[in-house]
C-alpha atoms as a PDB file:
ATOM      1  CA  MET A   1      64.663  82.541  90.547  1.00  0.00           C
ATOM      2  CA  SER A   2      63.901  82.086  86.872  1.00  0.00           C
ATOM      3  CA  THR A   3      65.886  83.662  84.097  1.00  0.00           C
ATOM      4  CA  LYS A   4      65.435  84.211  80.419  1.00  0.00           C
ATOM      5  CA  LYS A   5      67.646  82.449  77.908  1.00  0.00           C
ATOM      6  CA  ALA A   6      70.836  84.215  76.903  1.00  0.00           C
ATOM      7  CA  ALA A   7      70.400  86.695  74.069  1.00  0.00           C
ATOM      8  CA  LYS A   8      71.806  85.706  70.696  1.00  0.00           C
ATOM      9  CA  THR A   9      74.579  87.724  69.123  1.00  0.00           C
ATOM     10  CA  GLY A  10      74.834  88.536  65.429  1.00  0.00           C
ATOM     11  CA  LYS A  11      76.929  85.390  64.822  1.00  0.00           C
ATOM     12  CA  PRO A  12      75.123  82.082  64.344  1.00  0.00           C
ATOM     13  CA  GLY A  13      75.711  79.505  67.086  1.00  0.00           C
ATOM     14  CA  LYS A  14      77.080  82.034  69.587  1.00  0.00           C
ATOM     15  CA  THR A  15      75.238  83.348  72.650  1.00  0.00           C
ATOM     16  CA  ASP A  16      76.053  86.060  75.158  1.00  0.00           C
ATOM     17  CA  LYS A  17      77.308  84.852  78.529  1.00  0.00           C
ATOM     18  CA  LEU A  18      75.081  87.367  80.360  1.00  0.00           C
ATOM     19  CA  ILE A  19      71.893  85.836  81.727  1.00  0.00           C
ATOM     20  CA  VAL A  20      69.102  88.420  81.853  1.00  0.00           C
ATOM     21  CA  PRO A  21      66.643  88.112  84.760  1.00  0.00           C
ATOM     22  CA  GLU A  22      62.910  88.296  84.090  1.00  0.00           C
ATOM     23  CA  GLU A  23      61.338  91.661  84.764  1.00  0.00           C
ATOM     24  CA  GLY A  24      59.948  92.029  88.265  1.00  0.00           C
ATOM     25  CA  SER A  25      62.143  89.288  89.719  1.00  0.00           C
ATOM     26  CA  LYS A  26      63.602  89.558  93.226  1.00  0.00           C
ATOM     27  CA  PHE A  27      67.099  89.664  91.723  1.00  0.00           C
ATOM     28  CA  GLU A  28      66.360  92.909  89.891  1.00  0.00           C
ATOM     29  CA  LEU A  29      64.706  94.496  92.940  1.00  0.00           C
ATOM     30  CA  ALA A  30      67.659  93.568  95.161  1.00  0.00           C
ATOM     31  CA  ARG A  31      70.102  95.182  92.744  1.00  0.00           C
ATOM     32  CA  ILE A  32      68.040  98.378  92.651  1.00  0.00           C
ATOM     33  CA  LYS A  33      67.919  98.533  96.463  1.00  0.00           C
ATOM     34  CA  GLU A  34      71.676  97.970  96.638  1.00  0.00           C
ATOM     35  CA  PHE A  35      72.275 100.747  94.091  1.00  0.00           C
ATOM     36  CA  ILE A  36      70.126 103.212  96.078  1.00  0.00           C
ATOM     37  CA  ARG A  37      71.942 102.301  99.300  1.00  0.00           C
ATOM     38  CA  GLU A  38      75.316 102.900  97.619  1.00  0.00           C
ATOM     39  CA  VAL A  39      74.169 106.258  96.216  1.00  0.00           C
ATOM     40  CA  LYS A  40      73.083 107.385  99.702  1.00  0.00           C
ATOM     41  CA  ASN A  41      76.466 106.360 101.132  1.00  0.00           C
ATOM     42  CA  GLU A  42      78.313 108.296  98.426  1.00  0.00           C
ATOM     43  CA  PHE A  43      76.213 111.417  99.032  1.00  0.00           C
ATOM     44  CA  LEU A  44      77.193 111.288 102.717  1.00  0.00           C
ATOM     45  CA  LYS A  45      80.868 111.433 101.665  1.00  0.00           C
ATOM     46  CA  VAL A  46      80.426 114.626  99.593  1.00  0.00           C
ATOM     47  CA  ALA A  47      81.843 117.815 101.154  1.00  0.00           C
ATOM     48  CA  TRP A  48      79.004 120.224 100.369  1.00  0.00           C
ATOM     49  CA  PRO A  49      79.953 123.950 100.254  1.00  0.00           C
ATOM     50  CA  ASP A  50      78.324 126.370 102.679  1.00  0.00           C
ATOM     51  CA  LYS A  51      75.718 128.905 101.553  1.00  0.00           C
ATOM     52  CA  LYS A  52      78.159 131.846 101.506  1.00  0.00           C
ATOM     53  CA  HIS A  53      80.572 130.055  99.164  1.00  0.00           C
ATOM     54  CA  THR A  54      77.758 128.867  96.875  1.00  0.00           C
ATOM     55  CA  VAL A  55      76.271 132.372  96.540  1.00  0.00           C
ATOM     56  CA  ALA A  56      79.703 133.904  95.870  1.00  0.00           C
ATOM     57  CA  THR A  57      80.515 131.345  93.196  1.00  0.00           C
ATOM     58  CA  ALA A  58      77.107 131.782  91.551  1.00  0.00           C
ATOM     59  CA  GLY A  59      77.642 135.557  91.537  1.00  0.00           C
ATOM     60  CA  VAL A  60      80.985 135.191  89.773  1.00  0.00           C
ATOM     61  CA  VAL A  61      79.385 132.916  87.174  1.00  0.00           C
ATOM     62  CA  VAL A  62      76.532 135.380  86.504  1.00  0.00           C
ATOM     63  CA  VAL A  63      78.928 138.328  86.151  1.00  0.00           C
ATOM     64  CA  LEU A  64      81.197 136.404  83.760  1.00  0.00           C
ATOM     65  CA  VAL A  65      78.238 135.276  81.643  1.00  0.00           C
ATOM     66  CA  ILE A  66      77.043 138.878  81.334  1.00  0.00           C
ATOM     67  CA  MET A  67      80.543 140.137  80.423  1.00  0.00           C
ATOM     68  CA  ILE A  68      81.087 137.430  77.808  1.00  0.00           C
ATOM     69  CA  SER A  69      77.615 138.041  76.373  1.00  0.00           C
ATOM     70  CA  PHE A  70      78.347 141.743  75.886  1.00  0.00           C
ATOM     71  CA  TYR A  71      81.738 140.953  74.346  1.00  0.00           C
ATOM     72  CA  LEU A  72      80.331 138.417  71.891  1.00  0.00           C
ATOM     73  CA  GLY A  73      77.437 140.745  71.049  1.00  0.00           C
ATOM     74  CA  ALA A  74      79.873 143.595  70.295  1.00  0.00           C
ATOM     75  CA  VAL A  75      82.103 141.365  68.157  1.00  0.00           C
ATOM     76  CA  ASP A  76      79.056 140.088  66.273  1.00  0.00           C
ATOM     77  CA  LEU A  77      77.810 143.639  65.662  1.00  0.00           C
ATOM     78  CA  ILE A  78      81.208 144.874  64.463  1.00  0.00           C
ATOM     79  CA  LEU A  79      81.846 141.899  62.193  1.00  0.00           C
ATOM     80  CA  GLY A  80      78.314 142.152  60.802  1.00  0.00           C
ATOM     81  CA  LYS A  81      78.879 145.806  59.908  1.00  0.00           C
ATOM     82  CA  LEU A  82      82.270 145.026  58.315  1.00  0.00           C
ATOM     83  CA  ILE A  83      80.875 142.174  56.231  1.00  0.00           C
ATOM     84  CA  GLY A  84      77.974 144.406  55.220  1.00  0.00           C
ATOM     85  CA  LEU A  85      80.414 147.039  53.960  1.00  0.00           C
ATOM     86  CA  VAL A  86      82.480 144.441  52.054  1.00  0.00           C
ATOM     87  CA  ILE A  87      79.410 142.959  50.371  1.00  0.00           C
ATOM     88  CA  LYS A  88      78.140 146.367  49.144  1.00  0.00           C
END
């Protein structure tokens, strides 16, 4: 396995301790495979909600977004009218 030289830091005479592998090396491919394997294992540990719970939660979010939108729109309209009256 060949590696590139350590990258230089901003200070003269100092080098980073991290050795960077060449692109396409087996070392890099092995690390990617290990990462994917670990991600799959973590996804198996997740307690996914059932469809009924997901739909109910999404419904609550949609209703709250609509209510907050109307509230902010009304506040914006009222404050715009008040500022318009003050400016005149």
